[in-house]
C-alpha atoms as a PDB file:
ATOM      1  CA  MET A   1      17.741 281.933  36.528  1.00  0.00           C
ATOM      2  CA  PRO A   2      14.928 280.229  34.550  1.00  0.00           C
ATOM      3  CA  PHE A   3      15.599 278.932  31.521  1.00  0.00           C
ATOM      4  CA  ASP A   4      15.298 281.234  28.683  1.00  0.00           C
ATOM      5  CA  ILE A   5      14.631 280.265  25.143  1.00  0.00           C
ATOM      6  CA  HIS A   6      15.137 283.625  23.161  1.00  0.00           C
ATOM      7  CA  PHE A   7      18.379 283.913  25.617  1.00  0.00           C
ATOM      8  CA  LEU A   8      19.528 280.964  23.727  1.00  0.00           C
ATOM      9  CA  ILE A   9      18.203 281.989  20.301  1.00  0.00           C
ATOM     10  CA  ARG A  10      20.677 284.402  20.590  1.00  0.00           C
ATOM     11  CA  LEU A  11      23.838 282.897  22.154  1.00  0.00           C
ATOM     12  CA  ILE A  12      23.715 280.436  19.762  1.00  0.00           C
ATOM     13  CA  PRO A  13      24.922 281.457  16.781  1.00  0.00           C
ATOM     14  CA  ALA A  14      28.091 282.650  18.708  1.00  0.00           C
ATOM     15  CA  LEU A  15      28.561 279.389  20.102  1.00  0.00           C
ATOM     16  CA  LEU A  16      28.626 278.100  16.718  1.00  0.00           C
ATOM     17  CA  ASP A  17      31.313 280.663  15.703  1.00  0.00           C
ATOM     18  CA  GLY A  18      33.707 279.306  18.249  1.00  0.00           C
ATOM     19  CA  ALA A  19      32.562 275.528  17.445  1.00  0.00           C
ATOM     20  CA  VAL A  20      34.105 276.085  14.115  1.00  0.00           C
ATOM     21  CA  ILE A  21      37.465 276.534  15.849  1.00  0.00           C
ATOM     22  CA  THR A  22      37.124 273.590  18.066  1.00  0.00           C
ATOM     23  CA  VAL A  23      35.844 271.437  15.500  1.00  0.00           C
ATOM     24  CA  GLU A  24      39.260 272.838  13.092  1.00  0.00           C
ATOM     25  CA  LEU A  25      41.177 272.104  16.290  1.00  0.00           C
ATOM     26  CA  ALA A  26      40.157 268.685  16.931  1.00  0.00           C
ATOM     27  CA  ILE A  27      39.968 267.669  12.779  1.00  0.00           C
ATOM     28  CA  LEU A  28      43.468 268.178  13.023  1.00  0.00           C
ATOM     29  CA  THR A  29      44.687 266.922  16.104  1.00  0.00           C
ATOM     30  CA  PHE A  30      42.895 263.788  15.417  1.00  0.00           C
ATOM     31  CA  MET A  31      45.137 263.972  11.210  1.00  0.00           C
ATOM     32  CA  ILE A  32      48.332 264.552  13.129  1.00  0.00           C
ATOM     33  CA  CYS A  33      47.758 262.039  15.633  1.00  0.00           C
ATOM     34  CA  LEU A  34      47.143 259.112  13.667  1.00  0.00           C
ATOM     35  CA  VAL A  35      50.340 260.015  11.719  1.00  0.00           C
ATOM     36  CA  TRP A  36      52.510 260.699  15.204  1.00  0.00           C
ATOM     37  CA  GLY A  37      50.822 257.865  16.998  1.00  0.00           C
ATOM     38  CA  LEU A  38      52.067 255.489  14.741  1.00  0.00           C
ATOM     39  CA  LEU A  39      55.477 256.711  13.971  1.00  0.00           C
ATOM     40  CA  VAL A  40      56.049 256.352  18.195  1.00  0.00           C
ATOM     41  CA  ALA A  41      53.975 252.616  18.109  1.00  0.00           C
ATOM     42  CA  LEU A  42      56.465 251.657  15.723  1.00  0.00           C
ATOM     43  CA  ALA A  43      59.485 253.478  17.558  1.00  0.00           C
ATOM     44  CA  GLN A  44      58.490 252.181  20.930  1.00  0.00           C
ATOM     45  CA  SER A  45      58.346 248.030  19.417  1.00  0.00           C
ATOM     46  CA  LYS A  46      62.679 248.981  18.817  1.00  0.00           C
ATOM     47  CA  ARG A  47      65.242 247.506  21.383  1.00  0.00           C
ATOM     48  CA  GLY A  48      67.655 250.190  22.590  1.00  0.00           C
ATOM     49  CA  PRO A  49      67.285 253.868  22.810  1.00  0.00           C
ATOM     50  CA  LEU A  50      64.807 254.542  20.578  1.00  0.00           C
ATOM     51  CA  GLY A  51      62.227 252.175  22.283  1.00  0.00           C
ATOM     52  CA  TRP A  52      62.922 253.654  25.900  1.00  0.00           C
ATOM     53  CA  ILE A  53      62.444 257.213  24.530  1.00  0.00           C
ATOM     54  CA  ALA A  54      59.643 256.108  22.939  1.00  0.00           C
ATOM     55  CA  GLY A  55      57.988 254.640  25.957  1.00  0.00           C
ATOM     56  CA  GLY A  56      59.057 258.056  28.285  1.00  0.00           C
ATOM     57  CA  TYR A  57      57.460 260.187  26.200  1.00  0.00           C
ATOM     58  CA  ILE A  58      54.067 257.995  26.225  1.00  0.00           C
ATOM     59  CA  GLN A  59      54.150 257.692  29.775  1.00  0.00           C
ATOM     60  CA  THR A  60      55.226 261.863  30.197  1.00  0.00           C
ATOM     61  CA  VAL A  61      52.671 262.343  28.226  1.00  0.00           C
ATOM     62  CA  ARG A  62      49.447 259.950  29.207  1.00  0.00           C
ATOM     63  CA  ASN A  63      50.739 261.175  33.157  1.00  0.00           C
ATOM     64  CA  THR A  64      50.694 264.616  33.257  1.00  0.00           C
ATOM     65  CA  PRO A  65      47.776 266.788  32.754  1.00  0.00           C
ATOM     66  CA  LEU A  66      46.687 268.159  28.808  1.00  0.00           C
ATOM     67  CA  LEU A  67      46.207 271.748  31.019  1.00  0.00           C
ATOM     68  CA  ILE A  68      49.742 271.903  32.404  1.00  0.00           C
ATOM     69  CA  GLN A  69      51.330 270.802  29.126  1.00  0.00           C
ATOM     70  CA  LEU A  70      49.509 274.007  27.427  1.00  0.00           C
ATOM     71  CA  TYR A  71      50.745 276.228  30.077  1.00  0.00           C
ATOM     72  CA  ILE A  72      54.835 274.800  29.474  1.00  0.00           C
ATOM     73  CA  ILE A  73      54.046 275.245  25.407  1.00  0.00           C
ATOM     74  CA  TYR A  74      52.548 278.673  25.225  1.00  0.00           C
ATOM     75  CA  PHE A  75      54.387 280.217  28.270  1.00  0.00           C
ATOM     76  CA  GLY A  76      57.964 278.761  27.553  1.00  0.00           C
ATOM     77  CA  PHE A  77      57.884 279.186  23.978  1.00  0.00           C
ATOM     78  CA  ALA A  78      57.501 283.154  24.592  1.00  0.00           C
ATOM     79  CA  MET A  79      59.913 282.829  27.067  1.00  0.00           C
ATOM     80  CA  ALA A  80      62.477 280.969  24.845  1.00  0.00           C
ATOM     81  CA  GLY A  81      61.644 283.871  22.370  1.00  0.00           C
ATOM     82  CA  PHE A  82      59.419 282.038  19.925  1.00  0.00           C
ATOM     83  CA  ALA A  83      55.647 283.053  20.913  1.00  0.00           C
ATOM     84  CA  LEU A  84      53.569 280.815  19.593  1.00  0.00           C
ATOM     85  CA  SER A  85      49.759 281.579  18.836  1.00  0.00           C
ATOM     86  CA  GLY A  86      47.012 280.852  20.672  1.00  0.00           C
ATOM     87  CA  PHE A  87      46.092 278.396  18.274  1.00  0.00           C
ATOM     88  CA  LEU A  88      48.954 276.711  17.527  1.00  0.00           C
ATOM     89  CA  SER A  89      49.860 276.417  21.409  1.00  0.00           C
ATOM     90  CA  GLY A  90      46.496 274.466  21.204  1.00  0.00           C
ATOM     91  CA  LEU A  91      46.830 272.216  18.761  1.00  0.00           C
ATOM     92  CA  LEU A  92      50.807 271.351  19.843  1.00  0.00           C
ATOM     93  CA  ALA A  93      49.725 270.518  23.155  1.00  0.00           C
ATOM     94  CA  LEU A  94      46.561 268.421  21.936  1.00  0.00           C
ATOM     95  CA  CYS A  95      48.655 266.790  19.541  1.00  0.00           C
ATOM     96  CA  ILE A  96      51.522 265.600  21.731  1.00  0.00           C
ATOM     97  CA  GLN A  97      48.725 264.627  24.728  1.00  0.00           C
ATOM     98  CA  ASN A  98      46.547 262.387  21.822  1.00  0.00           C
ATOM     99  CA  GLY A  99      49.575 261.472  20.331  1.00  0.00           C
ATOM    100  CA  GLY A 100      50.670 259.208  23.311  1.00  0.00           C
ATOM    101  CA  TYR A 101      47.006 257.810  23.369  1.00  0.00           C
ATOM    102  CA  VAL A 102      46.595 256.641  20.098  1.00  0.00           C
ATOM    103  CA  ALA A 103      50.328 255.160  19.955  1.00  0.00           C
ATOM    104  CA  GLU A 104      49.237 252.998  22.761  1.00  0.00           C
ATOM    105  CA  ILE A 105      46.025 252.020  20.343  1.00  0.00           C
ATOM    106  CA  TYR A 106      48.625 251.468  17.603  1.00  0.00           C
ATOM    107  CA  ARG A 107      50.496 249.123  19.905  1.00  0.00           C
ATOM    108  CA  GLY A 108      47.585 247.527  21.433  1.00  0.00           C
ATOM    109  CA  GLY A 109      46.669 246.921  17.789  1.00  0.00           C
ATOM    110  CA  LEU A 110      50.444 245.853  16.544  1.00  0.00           C
ATOM    111  CA  GLN A 111      50.540 243.380  19.370  1.00  0.00           C
ATOM    112  CA  SER A 112      46.908 241.655  18.639  1.00  0.00           C
ATOM    113  CA  VAL A 113      48.246 239.986  15.229  1.00  0.00           C
ATOM    114  CA  SER A 114      49.674 236.756  15.449  1.00  0.00           C
ATOM    115  CA  GLN A 115      53.219 236.683  15.687  1.00  0.00           C
ATOM    116  CA  ARG A 116      53.356 233.527  13.244  1.00  0.00           C
ATOM    117  CA  GLN A 117      51.956 236.296  10.209  1.00  0.00           C
ATOM    118  CA  TYR A 118      54.952 238.371  10.888  1.00  0.00           C
ATOM    119  CA  GLU A 119      57.150 234.954  10.903  1.00  0.00           C
ATOM    120  CA  ALA A 120      55.437 234.344   7.762  1.00  0.00           C
ATOM    121  CA  GLY A 121      55.785 237.421   6.259  1.00  0.00           C
ATOM    122  CA  ARG A 122      60.103 236.889   6.854  1.00  0.00           C
ATOM    123  CA  ALA A 123      60.045 233.493   5.638  1.00  0.00           C
ATOM    124  CA  LEU A 124      58.980 234.647   2.308  1.00  0.00           C
ATOM    125  CA  GLY A 125      61.625 237.307   2.380  1.00  0.00           C
ATOM    126  CA  MET A 126      59.218 240.208   2.172  1.00  0.00           C
ATOM    127  CA  ARG A 127      60.516 243.499   3.465  1.00  0.00           C
ATOM    128  CA  ARG A 128      59.974 244.811   6.334  1.00  0.00           C
ATOM    129  CA  TRP A 129      58.095 247.619   5.399  1.00  0.00           C
ATOM    130  CA  THR A 130      55.874 245.786   2.782  1.00  0.00           C
ATOM    131  CA  LEU A 131      54.924 243.311   5.562  1.00  0.00           C
ATOM    132  CA  TYR A 132      53.786 246.045   7.730  1.00  0.00           C
ATOM    133  CA  THR A 133      52.084 247.610   4.361  1.00  0.00           C
ATOM    134  CA  THR A 134      50.230 244.844   2.907  1.00  0.00           C
ATOM    135  CA  VAL A 135      50.150 242.670   5.650  1.00  0.00           C
ATOM    136  CA  ILE A 136      49.846 243.858   9.042  1.00  0.00           C
ATOM    137  CA  LEU A 137      48.580 247.580   9.084  1.00  0.00           C
ATOM    138  CA  PRO A 138      45.464 246.309   7.109  1.00  0.00           C
ATOM    139  CA  GLN A 139      44.505 244.207  10.427  1.00  0.00           C
ATOM    140  CA  VAL A 140      45.698 246.977  12.323  1.00  0.00           C
ATOM    141  CA  VAL A 141      42.957 249.483  11.323  1.00  0.00           C
ATOM    142  CA  ALA A 142      40.372 247.290  11.664  1.00  0.00           C
ATOM    143  CA  ARG A 143      40.978 246.441  14.694  1.00  0.00           C
ATOM    144  CA  VAL A 144      41.854 250.182  16.076  1.00  0.00           C
ATOM    145  CA  ILE A 145      38.720 251.613  14.468  1.00  0.00           C
ATOM    146  CA  PRO A 146      36.170 251.157  17.612  1.00  0.00           C
ATOM    147  CA  PRO A 147      39.028 253.296  20.210  1.00  0.00           C
ATOM    148  CA  MET A 148      40.220 255.599  17.859  1.00  0.00           C
ATOM    149  CA  THR A 149      36.497 256.750  17.762  1.00  0.00           C
ATOM    150  CA  ASN A 150      36.514 257.246  21.391  1.00  0.00           C
ATOM    151  CA  GLN A 151      40.204 258.807  21.057  1.00  0.00           C
ATOM    152  CA  ALA A 152      37.984 261.250  18.706  1.00  0.00           C
ATOM    153  CA  ILE A 153      35.474 261.978  20.814  1.00  0.00           C
ATOM    154  CA  SER A 154      38.022 262.757  24.079  1.00  0.00           C
ATOM    155  CA  ILE A 155      40.001 265.260  21.381  1.00  0.00           C
ATOM    156  CA  ILE A 156      36.562 266.843  21.051  1.00  0.00           C
ATOM    157  CA  LYS A 157      35.841 267.405  24.404  1.00  0.00           C
ATOM    158  CA  ASP A 158      39.636 268.140  25.369  1.00  0.00           C
ATOM    159  CA  THR A 159      39.578 271.181  22.762  1.00  0.00           C
ATOM    160  CA  SER A 160      38.081 273.248  25.712  1.00  0.00           C
ATOM    161  CA  GLN A 161      40.973 273.077  27.532  1.00  0.00           C
ATOM    162  CA  VAL A 162      42.500 275.747  24.848  1.00  0.00           C
ATOM    163  CA  ALA A 163      39.843 278.443  26.263  1.00  0.00           C
ATOM    164  CA  ALA A 164      42.843 278.893  29.277  1.00  0.00           C
ATOM    165  CA  ILE A 165      45.058 280.603  26.899  1.00  0.00           C
ATOM    166  CA  ALA A 166      42.096 282.508  24.804  1.00  0.00           C
ATOM    167  CA  VAL A 167      41.315 280.516  22.122  1.00  0.00           C
ATOM    168  CA  MET A 168      38.371 281.753  21.225  1.00  0.00           C
ATOM    169  CA  GLU A 169      36.861 278.378  20.663  1.00  0.00           C
ATOM    170  CA  MET A 170      33.167 277.101  21.787  1.00  0.00           C
ATOM    171  CA  MET A 171      34.062 276.986  25.782  1.00  0.00           C
ATOM    172  CA  LYS A 172      35.986 280.395  25.503  1.00  0.00           C
ATOM    173  CA  VAL A 173      33.148 281.958  24.320  1.00  0.00           C
ATOM    174  CA  ALA A 174      30.811 280.800  26.783  1.00  0.00           C
ATOM    175  CA  GLU A 175      33.106 282.235  29.688  1.00  0.00           C
ATOM    176  CA  VAL A 176      32.373 285.696  27.802  1.00  0.00           C
ATOM    177  CA  TRP A 177      28.828 285.026  27.584  1.00  0.00           C
ATOM    178  CA  VAL A 178      28.630 284.134  30.836  1.00  0.00           C
ATOM    179  CA  GLU A 179      30.640 287.127  32.266  1.00  0.00           C
ATOM    180  CA  SER A 180      28.092 289.903  29.923  1.00  0.00           C
ATOM    181  CA  SER A 181      25.341 288.088  31.263  1.00  0.00           C
ATOM    182  CA  ALA A 182      25.417 285.811  33.895  1.00  0.00           C
ATOM    183  CA  ASN A 183      23.181 283.333  32.845  1.00  0.00           C
ATOM    184  CA  THR A 184      25.658 280.188  33.665  1.00  0.00           C
ATOM    185  CA  TYR A 185      22.920 278.137  33.147  1.00  0.00           C
ATOM    186  CA  ASP A 186      21.656 278.350  29.845  1.00  0.00           C
ATOM    187  CA  VAL A 187      25.415 279.314  28.387  1.00  0.00           C
ATOM    188  CA  PHE A 188      26.462 276.016  29.359  1.00  0.00           C
ATOM    189  CA  LEU A 189      23.467 274.268  28.284  1.00  0.00           C
ATOM    190  CA  GLY A 190      24.048 275.477  24.631  1.00  0.00           C
ATOM    191  CA  VAL A 191      27.594 274.371  25.119  1.00  0.00           C
ATOM    192  CA  ALA A 192      26.319 270.997  26.076  1.00  0.00           C
ATOM    193  CA  LEU A 193      24.067 270.868  23.331  1.00  0.00           C
ATOM    194  CA  ILE A 194      26.898 271.394  20.398  1.00  0.00           C
ATOM    195  CA  TYR A 195      29.061 269.103  21.938  1.00  0.00           C
ATOM    196  CA  LEU A 196      26.393 266.200  22.304  1.00  0.00           C
ATOM    197  CA  VAL A 197      26.039 266.926  18.245  1.00  0.00           C
ATOM    198  CA  LEU A 198      29.810 267.229  17.964  1.00  0.00           C
ATOM    199  CA  THR A 199      30.616 263.958  19.841  1.00  0.00           C
ATOM    200  CA  SER A 200      27.597 262.308  18.619  1.00  0.00           C
ATOM    201  CA  VAL A 201      28.630 262.954  14.930  1.00  0.00           C
ATOM    202  CA  ALA A 202      32.012 261.662  15.588  1.00  0.00           C
ATOM    203  CA  GLY A 203      30.561 258.377  17.007  1.00  0.00           C
ATOM    204  CA  PHE A 204      28.568 257.732  14.000  1.00  0.00           C
ATOM    205  CA  ALA A 205      31.512 258.199  11.365  1.00  0.00           C
ATOM    206  CA  GLY A 206      33.629 255.378  13.650  1.00  0.00           C
ATOM    207  CA  LYS A 207      30.211 252.989  13.600  1.00  0.00           C
ATOM    208  CA  LEU A 208      30.006 253.889   9.219  1.00  0.00           C
ATOM    209  CA  SER A 209      34.191 253.316   8.961  1.00  0.00           C
ATOM    210  CA  GLU A 210      33.452 250.345  10.686  1.00  0.00           C
ATOM    211  CA  ARG A 211      30.901 249.055   8.753  1.00  0.00           C
ATOM    212  CA  TRP A 212      32.462 249.877   5.559  1.00  0.00           C
ATOM    213  CA  LEU A 213      35.853 248.212   6.548  1.00  0.00           C
ATOM    214  CA  ALA A 214      33.744 245.133   6.955  1.00  0.00           C
ATOM    215  CA  PHE A 215      31.996 245.189   3.909  1.00  0.00           C
ATOM    216  CA  ALA A 216      34.992 245.599   1.912  1.00  0.00           C
ATOM    217  CA  GLN A 217      36.923 242.757   3.446  1.00  0.00           C
END
């Protein structure tokens, strides 16, 4: 079927409605993972059972497909009598999966800080919390912005997986339009254009954050 600009004009508003859900999922996932990933990274840095559990979690979520995790959460909770909505199931799966990757980003940032700075802080009598919040984490934040930006872009693209459990985000809206119109090419062209805009905005925001942080320092 040849490219139909009039069809695309009719399609875009419907895709934008789905894009609202896509953006909501992406922003919530990223914000939650910023906190959750840091907690996991700090837990992994400890010796003993807590470090082993954190390490096992990271390996498990990074080495299994997001779609499988999504099905386990969506259908597993329902079988256990605690059915979650498609949106909440998708959000939980996205956070669990990406939390492992964010934790690894934080771990890399923490390891990039010289051990001498940890030792100097302890020698000055700084408490662990004060040492991390005033000395270590500000340096880590500056170093993890580029990989965090890449992860944010991955999260935006990962939201398309929740179409598998009938969440009406952009990909599911596209599937509905394909079924009703049989115009696969134009529909997915429109989807690709909107994803390109969303990921470009995320990349631009990351660049602005880098520049702002460099200026603030």
